[in-house]
């Protein structure tokens, strides 16, 4: 899970080195033009300072990823939601 979370920000900037094929269309078919449907102008982001800020924002989630893996009961899910919302 940690590896998948680490790939989210770079993916939005066109860096697919941390992506896994099951989550990334580019990894599944690198010869096809990759369109980011949810991003402005449907293209990769380019602002380096934005990338750094987003990386910093995601750090707590990637650091604590191991806590989110086995959320079997609703009580565990509620605890994880509380942890995530506290950042």
N, C-alpha and C. Protein backbone atom coordinates (compact mmCIF):
# COMPACT_ATOMS: atom_id res chain seq x y z
N UNK A 1 0.82 -1.18 0.00
CA UNK A 1 0.00 0.00 0.00
C UNK A 1 0.87 1.26 0.00
N UNK A 2 1.94 1.22 0.77
CA UNK A 2 2.83 2.39 0.85
C UNK A 2 3.39 2.74 -0.53
N UNK A 3 3.78 1.73 -1.28
CA UNK A 3 4.33 1.97 -2.62
C UNK A 3 3.28 2.60 -3.54
N UNK A 4 2.05 2.14 -3.44
CA UNK A 4 0.98 2.71 -4.26
C UNK A 4 0.73 4.17 -3.90
N UNK A 5 0.72 4.48 -2.61
CA UNK A 5 0.50 5.86 -2.18
C UNK A 5 1.65 6.77 -2.63
N UNK A 6 2.86 6.25 -2.59
CA UNK A 6 4.02 7.05 -3.02
C UNK A 6 3.95 7.40 -4.51
N UNK A 7 3.24 6.61 -5.28
CA UNK A 7 3.16 6.85 -6.72
C UNK A 7 2.09 7.85 -7.14
N UNK A 8 1.20 8.24 -6.23
CA UNK A 8 0.08 9.11 -6.61
C UNK A 8 0.55 10.47 -7.13
N UNK A 9 1.37 11.16 -6.37
CA UNK A 9 1.80 12.51 -6.78
C UNK A 9 2.66 12.46 -8.04
N UNK A 10 3.70 11.63 -8.09
CA UNK A 10 4.51 11.59 -9.32
C UNK A 10 3.67 11.26 -10.56
N UNK A 11 2.69 10.38 -10.40
CA UNK A 11 1.82 10.00 -11.53
C UNK A 11 1.13 11.23 -12.12
N UNK A 12 0.65 12.12 -11.27
CA UNK A 12 -0.05 13.32 -11.74
C UNK A 12 0.88 14.26 -12.50
N UNK A 13 2.19 14.09 -12.30
CA UNK A 13 3.18 14.92 -12.97
C UNK A 13 3.86 14.19 -14.13
N UNK A 14 3.29 13.07 -14.54
CA UNK A 14 3.81 12.34 -15.69
C UNK A 14 4.97 11.41 -15.39
N UNK A 15 5.30 11.23 -14.12
CA UNK A 15 6.38 10.33 -13.71
C UNK A 15 5.73 9.02 -13.27
N UNK A 16 5.87 7.98 -14.07
CA UNK A 16 5.20 6.72 -13.80
C UNK A 16 6.15 5.66 -13.25
N UNK A 17 7.32 6.07 -12.79
CA UNK A 17 8.32 5.12 -12.30
C UNK A 17 7.86 4.39 -11.04
N UNK A 18 6.98 4.98 -10.25
CA UNK A 18 6.49 4.33 -9.03
C UNK A 18 5.11 3.71 -9.21
N UNK A 19 4.55 3.83 -10.40
CA UNK A 19 3.20 3.32 -10.67
C UNK A 19 3.21 1.80 -10.85
N UNK A 20 2.07 1.20 -10.54
CA UNK A 20 1.85 -0.21 -10.85
C UNK A 20 0.81 -0.28 -11.96
N UNK A 21 0.94 -1.27 -12.82
CA UNK A 21 0.09 -1.36 -14.00
C UNK A 21 -1.40 -1.43 -13.67
N UNK A 22 -1.75 -2.02 -12.55
CA UNK A 22 -3.18 -2.14 -12.24
C UNK A 22 -3.83 -0.80 -11.92
N UNK A 23 -3.02 0.22 -11.61
CA UNK A 23 -3.55 1.54 -11.31
C UNK A 23 -3.21 2.58 -12.38
N UNK A 24 -2.35 2.25 -13.30
CA UNK A 24 -1.82 3.26 -14.23
C UNK A 24 -1.98 2.83 -15.68
N UNK A 25 -2.77 3.60 -16.42
CA UNK A 25 -2.99 3.31 -17.83
C UNK A 25 -1.71 3.40 -18.64
N UNK A 26 -0.83 4.32 -18.27
CA UNK A 26 0.44 4.46 -18.98
C UNK A 26 1.27 3.19 -18.85
N UNK A 27 1.32 2.61 -17.64
CA UNK A 27 2.09 1.38 -17.43
C UNK A 27 1.48 0.21 -18.21
N UNK A 28 0.15 0.20 -18.33
CA UNK A 28 -0.50 -0.87 -19.07
C UNK A 28 -0.25 -0.75 -20.56
N UNK A 29 -0.19 0.49 -21.06
CA UNK A 29 -0.02 0.70 -22.50
C UNK A 29 0.78 1.98 -22.73
N UNK A 30 2.11 1.92 -22.61
CA UNK A 30 2.94 3.13 -22.72
C UNK A 30 2.96 3.77 -24.11
N UNK A 31 2.56 3.05 -25.13
CA UNK A 31 2.57 3.63 -26.48
C UNK A 31 1.33 4.48 -26.74
N UNK A 32 0.29 4.30 -25.94
CA UNK A 32 -0.94 5.07 -26.10
C UNK A 32 -0.82 6.40 -25.35
N UNK A 33 -1.38 7.46 -25.91
CA UNK A 33 -1.32 8.77 -25.25
C UNK A 33 -2.11 8.71 -23.95
N UNK A 34 -1.47 9.12 -22.88
CA UNK A 34 -2.08 9.08 -21.55
C UNK A 34 -2.82 10.38 -21.29
N UNK A 35 -4.11 10.28 -20.99
CA UNK A 35 -4.92 11.47 -20.70
C UNK A 35 -5.32 11.43 -19.23
N UNK A 36 -5.04 12.51 -18.52
CA UNK A 36 -5.47 12.64 -17.13
C UNK A 36 -6.85 13.29 -17.13
N UNK A 37 -7.88 12.49 -17.09
CA UNK A 37 -9.24 13.01 -17.20
C UNK A 37 -9.61 13.97 -16.07
N UNK A 38 -9.03 13.80 -14.90
CA UNK A 38 -9.42 14.62 -13.75
C UNK A 38 -8.55 15.87 -13.58
N UNK A 39 -7.56 16.06 -14.43
CA UNK A 39 -6.67 17.21 -14.29
C UNK A 39 -7.03 18.30 -15.30
N UNK A 40 -6.69 19.55 -14.97
CA UNK A 40 -6.96 20.65 -15.91
C UNK A 40 -6.26 20.39 -17.25
N UNK A 41 -6.94 20.66 -18.30
CA UNK A 41 -6.44 20.49 -19.67
C UNK A 41 -6.11 19.03 -20.00
N UNK A 42 -6.50 18.11 -19.11
CA UNK A 42 -6.31 16.67 -19.32
C UNK A 42 -4.86 16.29 -19.62
N UNK A 43 -3.93 16.99 -19.00
CA UNK A 43 -2.51 16.72 -19.19
C UNK A 43 -1.80 16.72 -17.84
N UNK A 44 -0.59 16.19 -17.80
CA UNK A 44 0.18 16.12 -16.56
C UNK A 44 0.46 17.51 -16.00
N UNK A 45 0.59 17.58 -14.69
CA UNK A 45 0.95 18.83 -14.03
C UNK A 45 2.44 19.09 -14.23
N UNK A 46 2.85 20.38 -14.10
CA UNK A 46 4.25 20.73 -14.38
C UNK A 46 4.91 21.61 -13.32
N UNK A 47 4.19 22.11 -12.35
CA UNK A 47 4.71 23.06 -11.37
C UNK A 47 5.51 22.33 -10.28
N UNK A 48 6.83 22.56 -10.25
CA UNK A 48 7.71 21.87 -9.29
C UNK A 48 7.37 22.21 -7.84
N UNK A 49 7.01 23.45 -7.57
CA UNK A 49 6.69 23.82 -6.18
C UNK A 49 5.38 23.16 -5.74
N UNK A 50 4.43 23.02 -6.65
CA UNK A 50 3.19 22.31 -6.34
C UNK A 50 3.49 20.85 -6.05
N UNK A 51 4.37 20.26 -6.85
CA UNK A 51 4.73 18.86 -6.63
C UNK A 51 5.35 18.67 -5.25
N UNK A 52 6.24 19.55 -4.85
CA UNK A 52 6.86 19.45 -3.53
C UNK A 52 5.83 19.58 -2.42
N UNK A 53 4.91 20.52 -2.58
CA UNK A 53 3.87 20.72 -1.56
C UNK A 53 2.95 19.50 -1.47
N UNK A 54 2.61 18.94 -2.61
CA UNK A 54 1.76 17.75 -2.60
C UNK A 54 2.49 16.56 -1.97
N UNK A 55 3.78 16.43 -2.27
CA UNK A 55 4.57 15.35 -1.66
C UNK A 55 4.56 15.49 -0.14
N UNK A 56 4.73 16.72 0.34
CA UNK A 56 4.70 16.97 1.78
C UNK A 56 3.34 16.65 2.37
N UNK A 57 2.29 16.97 1.63
CA UNK A 57 0.93 16.68 2.09
C UNK A 57 0.68 15.18 2.21
N UNK A 58 1.21 14.40 1.29
CA UNK A 58 0.98 12.96 1.28
C UNK A 58 1.90 12.20 2.24
N UNK A 59 2.97 12.83 2.70
CA UNK A 59 3.95 12.14 3.55
C UNK A 59 3.33 11.42 4.75
N UNK A 60 2.46 12.08 5.53
CA UNK A 60 1.88 11.38 6.68
C UNK A 60 1.09 10.13 6.29
N UNK A 61 0.44 10.15 5.15
CA UNK A 61 -0.35 9.00 4.72
C UNK A 61 0.55 7.85 4.28
N UNK A 62 1.63 8.16 3.59
CA UNK A 62 2.54 7.10 3.17
C UNK A 62 3.30 6.54 4.36
N UNK A 63 3.64 7.40 5.30
CA UNK A 63 4.36 6.97 6.50
C UNK A 63 3.53 6.00 7.33
N UNK A 64 2.23 6.24 7.40
CA UNK A 64 1.34 5.41 8.23
C UNK A 64 0.54 4.41 7.42
N UNK A 65 0.96 4.12 6.21
CA UNK A 65 0.20 3.24 5.32
C UNK A 65 -0.03 1.86 5.93
N UNK A 66 0.93 1.37 6.68
CA UNK A 66 0.78 0.05 7.28
C UNK A 66 -0.42 -0.03 8.21
N UNK A 67 -0.86 1.10 8.76
CA UNK A 67 -2.02 1.11 9.66
C UNK A 67 -3.33 0.94 8.91
N UNK A 68 -3.33 1.21 7.62
CA UNK A 68 -4.58 1.19 6.85
C UNK A 68 -4.81 -0.13 6.13
N UNK A 69 -3.88 -1.05 6.22
CA UNK A 69 -3.97 -2.28 5.43
C UNK A 69 -5.05 -3.23 5.95
N UNK A 70 -5.03 -3.55 7.22
CA UNK A 70 -5.97 -4.53 7.78
C UNK A 70 -7.08 -3.84 8.55
N UNK A 71 -7.99 -3.24 7.84
CA UNK A 71 -9.12 -2.56 8.48
C UNK A 71 -10.35 -3.45 8.37
N UNK A 72 -10.37 -4.51 9.18
CA UNK A 72 -11.45 -5.48 9.09
C UNK A 72 -12.76 -5.03 9.68
N UNK A 73 -12.76 -4.43 10.85
CA UNK A 73 -14.01 -4.05 11.49
C UNK A 73 -14.32 -2.58 11.25
N UNK A 74 -15.57 -2.22 11.47
CA UNK A 74 -15.96 -0.82 11.28
C UNK A 74 -15.27 0.07 12.31
N UNK A 75 -14.97 -0.48 13.49
CA UNK A 75 -14.27 0.31 14.50
C UNK A 75 -12.86 0.65 14.01
N UNK A 76 -12.19 -0.30 13.38
CA UNK A 76 -10.86 -0.03 12.83
C UNK A 76 -10.94 0.99 11.71
N UNK A 77 -11.97 0.90 10.89
CA UNK A 77 -12.14 1.86 9.80
C UNK A 77 -12.38 3.26 10.35
N UNK A 78 -13.21 3.35 11.38
CA UNK A 78 -13.47 4.66 11.99
C UNK A 78 -12.20 5.24 12.59
N UNK A 79 -11.39 4.40 13.20
CA UNK A 79 -10.12 4.86 13.76
C UNK A 79 -9.20 5.37 12.64
N UNK A 80 -9.14 4.65 11.55
CA UNK A 80 -8.30 5.08 10.42
C UNK A 80 -8.81 6.40 9.85
N UNK A 81 -10.12 6.54 9.73
CA UNK A 81 -10.68 7.80 9.23
C UNK A 81 -10.32 8.96 10.15
N UNK A 82 -10.35 8.70 11.45
CA UNK A 82 -9.98 9.74 12.42
C UNK A 82 -8.52 10.12 12.26
N UNK A 83 -7.66 9.12 12.08
CA UNK A 83 -6.23 9.38 11.89
C UNK A 83 -5.98 10.20 10.64
N UNK A 84 -6.62 9.83 9.55
CA UNK A 84 -6.42 10.52 8.28
C UNK A 84 -6.91 11.96 8.37
N UNK A 85 -8.05 12.16 9.00
CA UNK A 85 -8.62 13.51 9.07
C UNK A 85 -7.87 14.42 10.03
N UNK A 86 -6.99 13.86 10.85
CA UNK A 86 -6.26 14.69 11.81
C UNK A 86 -5.04 15.36 11.20
N UNK A 87 -4.65 15.01 9.97
CA UNK A 87 -3.46 15.60 9.35
C UNK A 87 -3.77 16.91 8.72
